[in-house]
PDB file of all heavy atoms in Angstrom:
ATOM      1  N   SER A   1       0.808  -1.196   0.014  1.00  0.00           N
ATOM      2  CA  SER A   1       0.008   0.051  -0.061  1.00  0.00           C
ATOM      3  C   SER A   1       0.794   1.223  -0.043  1.00  0.00           C
ATOM      4  O   SER A   1       0.460   2.329  -0.574  1.00  0.00           O
ATOM      5  CB  SER A   1      -0.913   0.026   1.213  1.00  0.00           C
ATOM      6  OG  SER A   1      -0.134  -0.103   2.404  1.00  0.00           O
ATOM      7  N   ASP A   2       2.084   1.172   0.569  1.00  0.00           N
ATOM      8  CA  ASP A   2       3.072   2.226   0.508  1.00  0.00           C
ATOM      9  C   ASP A   2       4.410   1.686  -0.007  1.00  0.00           C
ATOM     10  O   ASP A   2       5.159   1.204   0.932  1.00  0.00           O
ATOM     11  CB  ASP A   2       3.288   2.885   1.963  1.00  0.00           C
ATOM     12  CG  ASP A   2       4.209   3.924   1.992  1.00  0.00           C
ATOM     13  OD1 ASP A   2       4.690   4.501   0.986  1.00  0.00           O
ATOM     14  OD2 ASP A   2       4.513   4.465   3.150  1.00  0.00           O
ATOM     15  N   PRO A   3       4.692   1.748  -1.175  1.00  0.00           N
ATOM     16  CA  PRO A   3       5.916   1.185  -1.648  1.00  0.00           C
ATOM     17  C   PRO A   3       7.223   1.900  -1.171  1.00  0.00           C
ATOM     18  O   PRO A   3       8.292   1.279  -1.297  1.00  0.00           O
ATOM     19  CB  PRO A   3       5.860   1.398  -3.164  1.00  0.00           C
ATOM     20  CG  PRO A   3       4.463   1.706  -3.443  1.00  0.00           C
ATOM     21  CD  PRO A   3       3.892   2.253  -2.213  1.00  0.00           C
ATOM     22  N   GLU A   4       7.106   3.017  -0.477  1.00  0.00           N
ATOM     23  CA  GLU A   4       8.275   3.792   0.067  1.00  0.00           C
ATOM     24  C   GLU A   4       8.418   3.293   1.503  1.00  0.00           C
ATOM     25  O   GLU A   4       9.415   3.858   2.209  1.00  0.00           O
ATOM     26  CB  GLU A   4       8.027   5.252  -0.007  1.00  0.00           C
ATOM     27  CG  GLU A   4       7.880   5.696  -1.493  1.00  0.00           C
ATOM     28  CD  GLU A   4       8.993   5.333  -2.365  1.00  0.00           C
ATOM     29  OE1 GLU A   4      10.228   5.425  -1.874  1.00  0.00           O
ATOM     30  OE2 GLU A   4       8.798   4.873  -3.574  1.00  0.00           O
ATOM     31  N   ALA A   5       7.567   2.463   2.116  1.00  0.00           N
ATOM     32  CA  ALA A   5       7.765   2.108   3.462  1.00  0.00           C
ATOM     33  C   ALA A   5       9.013   1.237   3.637  1.00  0.00           C
ATOM     34  O   ALA A   5       9.505   0.753   2.585  1.00  0.00           O
ATOM     35  CB  ALA A   5       6.580   1.335   3.966  1.00  0.00           C
ATOM     36  N   PRO A   6       9.607   1.197   4.808  1.00  0.00           N
ATOM     37  CA  PRO A   6      10.787   0.309   5.065  1.00  0.00           C
ATOM     38  C   PRO A   6      10.454  -1.078   4.645  1.00  0.00           C
ATOM     39  O   PRO A   6       9.372  -1.618   4.796  1.00  0.00           O
ATOM     40  CB  PRO A   6      11.058   0.459   6.586  1.00  0.00           C
ATOM     41  CG  PRO A   6      10.272   1.640   7.046  1.00  0.00           C
ATOM     42  CD  PRO A   6       9.191   1.767   6.123  1.00  0.00           C
ATOM     43  N   PRO A   7      11.473  -1.854   4.106  1.00  0.00           N
ATOM     44  CA  PRO A   7      11.269  -3.213   3.637  1.00  0.00           C
ATOM     45  C   PRO A   7      10.627  -4.209   4.719  1.00  0.00           C
ATOM     46  O   PRO A   7       9.839  -4.954   4.301  1.00  0.00           O
ATOM     47  CB  PRO A   7      12.696  -3.695   3.405  1.00  0.00           C
ATOM     48  CG  PRO A   7      13.402  -2.377   3.054  1.00  0.00           C
ATOM     49  CD  PRO A   7      12.801  -1.375   3.926  1.00  0.00           C
ATOM     50  N   ASP A   8      10.994  -3.938   5.974  1.00  0.00           N
ATOM     51  CA  ASP A   8      10.335  -4.894   7.041  1.00  0.00           C
ATOM     52  C   ASP A   8       8.919  -4.630   7.217  1.00  0.00           C
ATOM     53  O   ASP A   8       8.098  -5.508   7.272  1.00  0.00           O
ATOM     54  CB  ASP A   8      11.145  -4.767   8.371  1.00  0.00           C
ATOM     55  CG  ASP A   8      11.133  -3.379   8.929  1.00  0.00           C
ATOM     56  OD1 ASP A   8      11.176  -2.431   8.225  1.00  0.00           O
ATOM     57  OD2 ASP A   8      11.091  -3.205  10.096  1.00  0.00           O
ATOM     58  N   LYS A   9       8.461  -3.425   7.046  1.00  0.00           N
ATOM     59  CA  LYS A   9       7.003  -3.090   7.081  1.00  0.00           C
ATOM     60  C   LYS A   9       6.319  -3.595   5.833  1.00  0.00           C
ATOM     61  O   LYS A   9       5.195  -4.115   5.961  1.00  0.00           O
ATOM     62  CB  LYS A   9       6.855  -1.529   7.045  1.00  0.00           C
ATOM     63  CG  LYS A   9       7.466  -0.836   8.385  1.00  0.00           C
ATOM     64  CD  LYS A   9       6.698  -1.150   9.557  1.00  0.00           C
ATOM     65  CE  LYS A   9       7.194  -0.277  10.670  1.00  0.00           C
ATOM     66  NZ  LYS A   9       6.978  -0.834  12.028  1.00  0.00           N
ATOM     67  N   ILE A  10       6.967  -3.502   4.669  1.00  0.00           N
ATOM     68  CA  ILE A  10       6.363  -3.956   3.440  1.00  0.00           C
ATOM     69  C   ILE A  10       6.195  -5.561   3.505  1.00  0.00           C
ATOM     70  O   ILE A  10       5.253  -6.104   3.173  1.00  0.00           O
ATOM     71  CB  ILE A  10       7.225  -3.661   2.193  1.00  0.00           C
ATOM     72  CG1 ILE A  10       7.130  -2.078   2.085  1.00  0.00           C
ATOM     73  CG2 ILE A  10       6.781  -4.414   1.020  1.00  0.00           C
ATOM     74  CD1 ILE A  10       7.930  -1.537   1.031  1.00  0.00           C
ATOM     75  N   GLU A  11       7.177  -6.181   4.016  1.00  0.00           N
ATOM     76  CA  GLU A  11       7.184  -7.614   4.239  1.00  0.00           C
ATOM     77  C   GLU A  11       6.055  -8.019   5.233  1.00  0.00           C
ATOM     78  O   GLU A  11       5.320  -8.946   4.974  1.00  0.00           O
ATOM     79  CB  GLU A  11       8.579  -8.190   4.737  1.00  0.00           C
ATOM     80  CG  GLU A  11       8.616  -9.723   4.893  1.00  0.00           C
ATOM     81  CD  GLU A  11       9.912 -10.226   5.249  1.00  0.00           C
ATOM     82  OE1 GLU A  11      10.967  -9.522   5.154  1.00  0.00           O
ATOM     83  OE2 GLU A  11       9.959 -11.323   5.797  1.00  0.00           O
ATOM     84  N   ALA A  12       5.853  -7.362   6.307  1.00  0.00           N
ATOM     85  CA  ALA A  12       4.992  -7.572   7.326  1.00  0.00           C
ATOM     86  C   ALA A  12       3.471  -7.477   6.736  1.00  0.00           C
ATOM     87  O   ALA A  12       2.685  -8.274   6.877  1.00  0.00           O
ATOM     88  CB  ALA A  12       5.036  -6.691   8.538  1.00  0.00           C
ATOM     89  N   GLU A  13       3.329  -6.472   5.881  1.00  0.00           N
ATOM     90  CA  GLU A  13       2.089  -6.168   5.189  1.00  0.00           C
ATOM     91  C   GLU A  13       1.747  -7.412   4.240  1.00  0.00           C
ATOM     92  O   GLU A  13       0.589  -7.762   4.190  1.00  0.00           O
ATOM     93  CB  GLU A  13       2.032  -4.854   4.494  1.00  0.00           C
ATOM     94  CG  GLU A  13       0.744  -4.626   3.672  1.00  0.00           C
ATOM     95  CD  GLU A  13       0.797  -3.330   2.882  1.00  0.00           C
ATOM     96  OE1 GLU A  13       1.748  -2.601   2.935  1.00  0.00           O
ATOM     97  OE2 GLU A  13      -0.230  -3.144   2.145  1.00  0.00           O
ATOM     98  N   PHE A  14       2.738  -7.805   3.522  1.00  0.00           N
ATOM     99  CA  PHE A  14       2.537  -8.881   2.674  1.00  0.00           C
ATOM    100  C   PHE A  14       2.091 -10.125   3.243  1.00  0.00           C
ATOM    101  O   PHE A  14       1.163 -10.758   2.788  1.00  0.00           O
ATOM    102  CB  PHE A  14       3.891  -9.213   1.837  1.00  0.00           C
ATOM    103  CG  PHE A  14       3.850 -10.540   1.027  1.00  0.00           C
ATOM    104  CD1 PHE A  14       3.187 -10.486  -0.191  1.00  0.00           C
ATOM    105  CD2 PHE A  14       4.410 -11.545   1.493  1.00  0.00           C
ATOM    106  CE1 PHE A  14       3.219 -11.707  -0.928  1.00  0.00           C
ATOM    107  CE2 PHE A  14       4.260 -12.781   0.779  1.00  0.00           C
ATOM    108  CZ  PHE A  14       3.764 -12.804  -0.548  1.00  0.00           C
ATOM    109  N   PHE A  15       2.589 -10.516   4.427  1.00  0.00           N
ATOM    110  CA  PHE A  15       2.146 -11.652   5.159  1.00  0.00           C
ATOM    111  C   PHE A  15       0.745 -11.604   5.818  1.00  0.00           C
ATOM    112  O   PHE A  15       0.065 -12.482   5.879  1.00  0.00           O
ATOM    113  CB  PHE A  15       3.256 -12.206   6.143  1.00  0.00           C
ATOM    114  CG  PHE A  15       4.374 -12.897   5.393  1.00  0.00           C
ATOM    115  CD1 PHE A  15       5.547 -12.213   5.063  1.00  0.00           C
ATOM    116  CD2 PHE A  15       4.171 -14.254   5.150  1.00  0.00           C
ATOM    117  CE1 PHE A  15       6.442 -12.987   4.317  1.00  0.00           C
ATOM    118  CE2 PHE A  15       5.155 -14.875   4.493  1.00  0.00           C
ATOM    119  CZ  PHE A  15       6.247 -14.338   4.031  1.00  0.00           C
ATOM    120  N   THR A  16       0.550 -10.351   6.227  1.00  0.00           N
ATOM    121  CA  THR A  16      -0.828 -10.080   6.797  1.00  0.00           C
ATOM    122  C   THR A  16      -1.930 -10.146   5.700  1.00  0.00           C
ATOM    123  O   THR A  16      -2.929 -10.786   5.912  1.00  0.00           O
ATOM    124  CB  THR A  16      -0.891  -8.617   7.395  1.00  0.00           C
ATOM    125  OG1 THR A  16       0.113  -8.571   8.482  1.00  0.00           O
ATOM    126  CG2 THR A  16      -2.225  -8.365   7.944  1.00  0.00           C
ATOM    127  N   LYS A  17      -1.648  -9.569   4.516  1.00  0.00           N
ATOM    128  CA  LYS A  17      -2.605  -9.571   3.482  1.00  0.00           C
ATOM    129  C   LYS A  17      -2.626 -10.747   2.573  1.00  0.00           C
ATOM    130  O   LYS A  17      -3.577 -11.361   2.238  1.00  0.00           O
ATOM    131  CB  LYS A  17      -2.499  -8.390   2.606  1.00  0.00           C
ATOM    132  CG  LYS A  17      -2.879  -6.977   3.320  1.00  0.00           C
ATOM    133  CD  LYS A  17      -2.682  -5.888   2.404  1.00  0.00           C
ATOM    134  CE  LYS A  17      -3.172  -4.564   3.036  1.00  0.00           C
ATOM    135  NZ  LYS A  17      -3.031  -3.512   2.144  1.00  0.00           N
ATOM    136  N   GLU A  18      -1.410 -11.258   2.121  1.00  0.00           N
ATOM    137  CA  GLU A  18      -1.269 -12.294   1.115  1.00  0.00           C
ATOM    138  C   GLU A  18      -1.067 -13.716   1.644  1.00  0.00           C
ATOM    139  O   GLU A  18      -1.400 -14.662   0.952  1.00  0.00           O
ATOM    140  CB  GLU A  18      -0.236 -11.940   0.134  1.00  0.00           C
ATOM    141  CG  GLU A  18      -0.332 -10.498  -0.511  1.00  0.00           C
ATOM    142  CD  GLU A  18      -1.537 -10.409  -1.451  1.00  0.00           C
ATOM    143  OE1 GLU A  18      -1.958 -11.422  -2.022  1.00  0.00           O
ATOM    144  OE2 GLU A  18      -2.044  -9.280  -1.540  1.00  0.00           O
ATOM    145  N   ARG A  19      -0.370 -13.766   2.795  1.00  0.00           N
ATOM    146  CA  ARG A  19      -0.068 -15.141   3.390  1.00  0.00           C
ATOM    147  C   ARG A  19      -0.392 -15.161   4.817  1.00  0.00           C
ATOM    148  O   ARG A  19       0.407 -15.502   5.701  1.00  0.00           O
ATOM    149  CB  ARG A  19       1.465 -15.393   3.145  1.00  0.00           C
ATOM    150  CG  ARG A  19       2.019 -15.422   1.761  1.00  0.00           C
ATOM    151  CD  ARG A  19       1.430 -16.580   0.999  1.00  0.00           C
ATOM    152  NE  ARG A  19       2.152 -16.731  -0.281  1.00  0.00           N
ATOM    153  CZ  ARG A  19       1.767 -16.133  -1.424  1.00  0.00           C
ATOM    154  NH1 ARG A  19       0.786 -15.343  -1.374  1.00  0.00           N
ATOM    155  NH2 ARG A  19       2.440 -16.296  -2.533  1.00  0.00           N
ATOM    156  N   PRO A  20      -1.581 -14.886   5.212  1.00  0.00           N
ATOM    157  CA  PRO A  20      -1.937 -14.930   6.600  1.00  0.00           C
ATOM    158  C   PRO A  20      -1.850 -16.293   7.323  1.00  0.00           C
ATOM    159  O   PRO A  20      -1.725 -16.361   8.555  1.00  0.00           O
ATOM    160  CB  PRO A  20      -3.533 -14.459   6.691  1.00  0.00           C
ATOM    161  CG  PRO A  20      -3.938 -14.828   5.309  1.00  0.00           C
ATOM    162  CD  PRO A  20      -2.720 -14.640   4.274  1.00  0.00           C
ATOM    163  N   SER A  21      -1.810 -17.349   6.500  1.00  0.00           N
ATOM    164  CA  SER A  21      -1.671 -18.730   7.211  1.00  0.00           C
ATOM    165  C   SER A  21      -0.220 -19.077   7.442  1.00  0.00           C
ATOM    166  O   SER A  21       0.071 -20.085   8.165  1.00  0.00           O
ATOM    167  CB  SER A  21      -2.271 -19.801   6.254  1.00  0.00           C
ATOM    168  OG  SER A  21      -1.477 -19.916   5.068  1.00  0.00           O
ATOM    169  N   SER A  22       0.726 -18.201   7.027  1.00  0.00           N
ATOM    170  CA  SER A  22       2.191 -18.492   7.414  1.00  0.00           C
ATOM    171  C   SER A  22       2.388 -18.455   8.901  1.00  0.00           C
ATOM    172  O   SER A  22       2.032 -17.505   9.592  1.00  0.00           O
ATOM    173  CB  SER A  22       3.026 -17.401   6.694  1.00  0.00           C
ATOM    174  OG  SER A  22       4.326 -17.545   7.105  1.00  0.00           O
ATOM    175  N   LEU A  23       3.011 -19.581   9.417  1.00  0.00           N
ATOM    176  CA  LEU A  23       3.345 -19.650  10.798  1.00  0.00           C
ATOM    177  C   LEU A  23       4.611 -18.661  11.085  1.00  0.00           C
ATOM    178  O   LEU A  23       4.560 -18.129  12.134  1.00  0.00           O
ATOM    179  CB  LEU A  23       3.683 -21.103  11.166  1.00  0.00           C
ATOM    180  CG  LEU A  23       2.527 -22.096  11.124  1.00  0.00           C
ATOM    181  CD1 LEU A  23       3.049 -23.455  11.330  1.00  0.00           C
ATOM    182  CD2 LEU A  23       1.340 -21.689  11.827  1.00  0.00           C
ATOM    183  N   LEU A  24       5.459 -18.558  10.187  1.00  0.00           N
ATOM    184  CA  LEU A  24       6.648 -17.703  10.418  1.00  0.00           C
ATOM    185  C   LEU A  24       6.393 -16.192  10.300  1.00  0.00           C
ATOM    186  O   LEU A  24       6.947 -15.432  10.873  1.00  0.00           O
ATOM    187  CB  LEU A  24       7.714 -18.102   9.493  1.00  0.00           C
ATOM    188  CG  LEU A  24       8.476 -19.362   9.575  1.00  0.00           C
ATOM    189  CD1 LEU A  24       9.607 -19.613   8.431  1.00  0.00           C
ATOM    190  CD2 LEU A  24       9.114 -19.490  10.950  1.00  0.00           C
ATOM    191  N   GLN A  25       5.381 -15.909   9.324  1.00  0.00           N
ATOM    192  CA  GLN A  25       5.136 -14.512   9.021  1.00  0.00           C
ATOM    193  C   GLN A  25       6.394 -13.714   8.618  1.00  0.00           C
ATOM    194  O   GLN A  25       6.548 -12.521   9.021  1.00  0.00           O
ATOM    195  CB  GLN A  25       4.347 -13.761  10.262  1.00  0.00           C
ATOM    196  CG  GLN A  25       2.986 -14.326  10.479  1.00  0.00           C
ATOM    197  CD  GLN A  25       2.056 -13.905   9.376  1.00  0.00           C
ATOM    198  OE1 GLN A  25       1.802 -12.756   9.105  1.00  0.00           O
ATOM    199  NE2 GLN A  25       1.513 -14.919   8.549  1.00  0.00           N
ATOM    200  N   ARG A  26       7.227 -14.281   7.815  1.00  0.00           N
ATOM    201  CA  ARG A  26       8.395 -13.670   7.266  1.00  0.00           C
ATOM    202  C   ARG A  26       8.826 -14.576   6.121  1.00  0.00           C
ATOM    203  O   ARG A  26       8.436 -15.702   5.881  1.00  0.00           O
ATOM    204  CB  ARG A  26       9.478 -13.541   8.347  1.00  0.00           C
ATOM    205  CG  ARG A  26      10.087 -14.900   8.705  1.00  0.00           C
ATOM    206  CD  ARG A  26      11.305 -14.642   9.573  1.00  0.00           C
ATOM    207  NE  ARG A  26      11.806 -16.010  10.148  1.00  0.00           N
ATOM    208  CZ  ARG A  26      12.503 -16.896   9.468  1.00  0.00           C
ATOM    209  NH1 ARG A  26      12.772 -16.702   8.239  1.00  0.00           N
ATOM    210  NH2 ARG A  26      12.934 -17.994  10.125  1.00  0.00           N
ATOM    211  N   MET A  27       9.676 -13.877   5.309  1.00  0.00           N
ATOM    212  CA  MET A  27      10.394 -14.651   4.252  1.00  0.00           C
ATOM    213  C   MET A  27      11.300 -15.704   4.750  1.00  0.00           C
ATOM    214  O   MET A  27      11.919 -15.556   5.816  1.00  0.00           O
ATOM    215  CB  MET A  27      11.165 -13.663   3.351  1.00  0.00           C
ATOM    216  CG  MET A  27      10.373 -12.715   2.493  1.00  0.00           C
ATOM    217  SD  MET A  27       9.500 -13.626   1.149  1.00  0.00           S
ATOM    218  CE  MET A  27       8.321 -12.351   0.694  1.00  0.00           C
ATOM    219  N   ILE A  28      11.412 -16.823   4.063  1.00  0.00           N
ATOM    220  CA  ILE A  28      12.350 -17.810   4.383  1.00  0.00           C
ATOM    221  C   ILE A  28      13.745 -17.377   3.873  1.00  0.00           C
ATOM    222  O   ILE A  28      13.812 -16.818   2.774  1.00  0.00           O
ATOM    223  CB  ILE A  28      11.954 -19.078   3.755  1.00  0.00           C
ATOM    224  CG1 ILE A  28      10.528 -19.640   4.325  1.00  0.00           C
ATOM    225  CG2 ILE A  28      12.990 -20.171   3.947  1.00  0.00           C
ATOM    226  CD1 ILE A  28       9.913 -20.701   3.484  1.00  0.00           C
ATOM    227  N   GLU A  29      14.754 -17.607   4.649  1.00  0.00           N
ATOM    228  CA  GLU A  29      16.039 -17.234   4.206  1.00  0.00           C
ATOM    229  C   GLU A  29      16.639 -18.348   3.373  1.00  0.00           C
ATOM    230  O   GLU A  29      16.378 -19.559   3.686  1.00  0.00           O
ATOM    231  CB  GLU A  29      17.013 -16.955   5.458  1.00  0.00           C
ATOM    232  CG  GLU A  29      16.539 -15.717   6.239  1.00  0.00           C
ATOM    233  CD  GLU A  29      16.822 -14.477   5.377  1.00  0.00           C
ATOM    234  OE1 GLU A  29      17.679 -14.466   4.571  1.00  0.00           O
ATOM    235  OE2 GLU A  29      16.076 -13.447   5.769  1.00  0.00           O
ATOM    236  N   PRO A  30      17.438 -18.061   2.337  1.00  0.00           N
ATOM    237  CA  PRO A  30      17.970 -19.192   1.528  1.00  0.00           C
ATOM    238  C   PRO A  30      18.814 -20.266   2.339  1.00  0.00           C
ATOM    239  O   PRO A  30      18.645 -21.457   2.038  1.00  0.00           O
ATOM    240  CB  PRO A  30      18.928 -18.468   0.479  1.00  0.00           C
ATOM    241  CG  PRO A  30      18.318 -17.081   0.438  1.00  0.00           C
ATOM    242  CD  PRO A  30      17.765 -16.784   1.778  1.00  0.00           C
ATOM    243  N   ASP A  31      19.385 -19.806   3.421  1.00  0.00           N
ATOM    244  CA  ASP A  31      20.258 -20.778   4.158  1.00  0.00           C
ATOM    245  C   ASP A  31      19.213 -21.740   4.915  1.00  0.00           C
ATOM    246  O   ASP A  31      19.670 -22.873   5.178  1.00  0.00           O
ATOM    247  CB  ASP A  31      21.156 -20.059   5.158  1.00  0.00           C
ATOM    248  CG  ASP A  31      20.499 -19.283   6.193  1.00  0.00           C
ATOM    249  OD1 ASP A  31      19.418 -18.769   5.938  1.00  0.00           O
ATOM    250  OD2 ASP A  31      21.163 -19.094   7.265  1.00  0.00           O
ATOM    251  N   GLU A  32      17.965 -21.399   5.103  1.00  0.00           N
ATOM    252  CA  GLU A  32      16.947 -22.349   5.709  1.00  0.00           C
ATOM    253  C   GLU A  32      16.688 -23.421   4.738  1.00  0.00           C
ATOM    254  O   GLU A  32      16.526 -24.584   5.130  1.00  0.00           O
ATOM    255  CB  GLU A  32      15.817 -21.608   6.187  1.00  0.00           C
ATOM    256  CG  GLU A  32      16.106 -20.655   7.335  1.00  0.00           C
ATOM    257  CD  GLU A  32      14.946 -19.745   7.729  1.00  0.00           C
ATOM    258  OE1 GLU A  32      14.396 -19.007   6.882  1.00  0.00           O
ATOM    259  OE2 GLU A  32      14.538 -19.851   8.900  1.00  0.00           O
ATOM    260  N   ILE A  33      16.528 -23.126   3.499  1.00  0.00           N
ATOM    261  CA  ILE A  33      16.391 -24.177   2.471  1.00  0.00           C
ATOM    262  C   ILE A  33      17.527 -25.008   2.308  1.00  0.00           C
ATOM    263  O   ILE A  33      17.537 -26.131   2.200  1.00  0.00           O
ATOM    264  CB  ILE A  33      15.885 -23.467   1.118  1.00  0.00           C
ATOM    265  CG1 ILE A  33      14.595 -22.824   1.289  1.00  0.00           C
ATOM    266  CG2 ILE A  33      15.884 -24.509  -0.072  1.00  0.00           C
ATOM    267  CD1 ILE A  33      14.172 -21.897   0.168  1.00  0.00           C
ATOM    268  N   ALA A  34      18.833 -24.362   2.348  1.00  0.00           N
ATOM    269  CA  ALA A  34      19.996 -25.054   2.220  1.00  0.00           C
ATOM    270  C   ALA A  34      20.205 -25.982   3.333  1.00  0.00           C
ATOM    271  O   ALA A  34      20.673 -27.155   3.111  1.00  0.00           O
ATOM    272  CB  ALA A  34      21.195 -24.048   2.106  1.00  0.00           C
ATOM    273  N   SER A  35      19.769 -25.761   4.501  1.00  0.00           N
ATOM    274  CA  SER A  35      19.816 -26.699   5.573  1.00  0.00           C
ATOM    275  C   SER A  35      19.021 -28.010   5.259  1.00  0.00           C
ATOM    276  O   SER A  35      19.492 -29.158   5.630  1.00  0.00           O
ATOM    277  CB  SER A  35      19.301 -26.115   6.908  1.00  0.00           C
ATOM    278  OG  SER A  35      20.123 -25.022   7.323  1.00  0.00           O
ATOM    279  N   LEU A  36      17.884 -27.891   4.735  1.00  0.00           N
ATOM    280  CA  LEU A  36      17.116 -29.015   4.426  1.00  0.00           C
ATOM    281  C   LEU A  36      17.829 -29.825   3.264  1.00  0.00           C
ATOM    282  O   LEU A  36      17.821 -30.986   3.305  1.00  0.00           O
ATOM    283  CB  LEU A  36      15.708 -28.655   4.050  1.00  0.00           C
ATOM    284  CG  LEU A  36      14.739 -29.917   3.687  1.00  0.00           C
ATOM    285  CD1 LEU A  36      14.679 -31.007   4.887  1.00  0.00           C
ATOM    286  CD2 LEU A  36      13.342 -29.449   3.412  1.00  0.00           C
ATOM    287  N   VAL A  37      18.303 -29.058   2.303  1.00  0.00           N
ATOM    288  CA  VAL A  37      19.117 -29.785   1.170  1.00  0.00           C
ATOM    289  C   VAL A  37      20.166 -30.571   1.768  1.00  0.00           C
ATOM    290  O   VAL A  37      20.469 -31.627   1.315  1.00  0.00           O
ATOM    291  CB  VAL A  37      19.456 -28.721   0.132  1.00  0.00           C
ATOM    292  CG1 VAL A  37      20.505 -29.317  -0.940  1.00  0.00           C
ATOM    293  CG2 VAL A  37      18.353 -28.045  -0.577  1.00  0.00           C
ATOM    294  N   ALA A  38      20.957 -29.950   2.751  1.00  0.00           N
ATOM    295  CA  ALA A  38      22.083 -30.631   3.209  1.00  0.00           C
ATOM    296  C   ALA A  38      21.623 -31.971   4.003  1.00  0.00           C
ATOM    297  O   ALA A  38      22.288 -32.949   3.937  1.00  0.00           O
ATOM    298  CB  ALA A  38      22.852 -29.692   4.275  1.00  0.00           C
ATOM    299  N   TYR A  39      20.517 -31.792   4.734  1.00  0.00           N
ATOM    300  CA  TYR A  39      19.914 -32.950   5.472  1.00  0.00           C
ATOM    301  C   TYR A  39      19.601 -34.093   4.483  1.00  0.00           C
ATOM    302  O   TYR A  39      19.985 -35.291   4.559  1.00  0.00           O
ATOM    303  CB  TYR A  39      18.762 -32.598   6.191  1.00  0.00           C
ATOM    304  CG  TYR A  39      17.903 -33.867   6.674  1.00  0.00           C
ATOM    305  CD1 TYR A  39      18.365 -34.728   7.552  1.00  0.00           C
ATOM    306  CD2 TYR A  39      16.625 -33.984   6.057  1.00  0.00           C
ATOM    307  CE1 TYR A  39      17.532 -35.759   7.948  1.00  0.00           C
ATOM    308  CE2 TYR A  39      15.964 -35.145   6.330  1.00  0.00           C
ATOM    309  CZ  TYR A  39      16.386 -35.972   7.254  1.00  0.00           C
ATOM    310  OH  TYR A  39      15.568 -37.133   7.624  1.00  0.00           O
TER     311      TYR A  39
END
């Protein structure tokens, strides 16, 4: 709704509006995927 807002606010809005079922309510970091790949 405000593209000039700080990135963390934009991310929070995305999860509130677009991904409300997300348990993490944040983007996954690539190293989190890499950990599963390593396993």
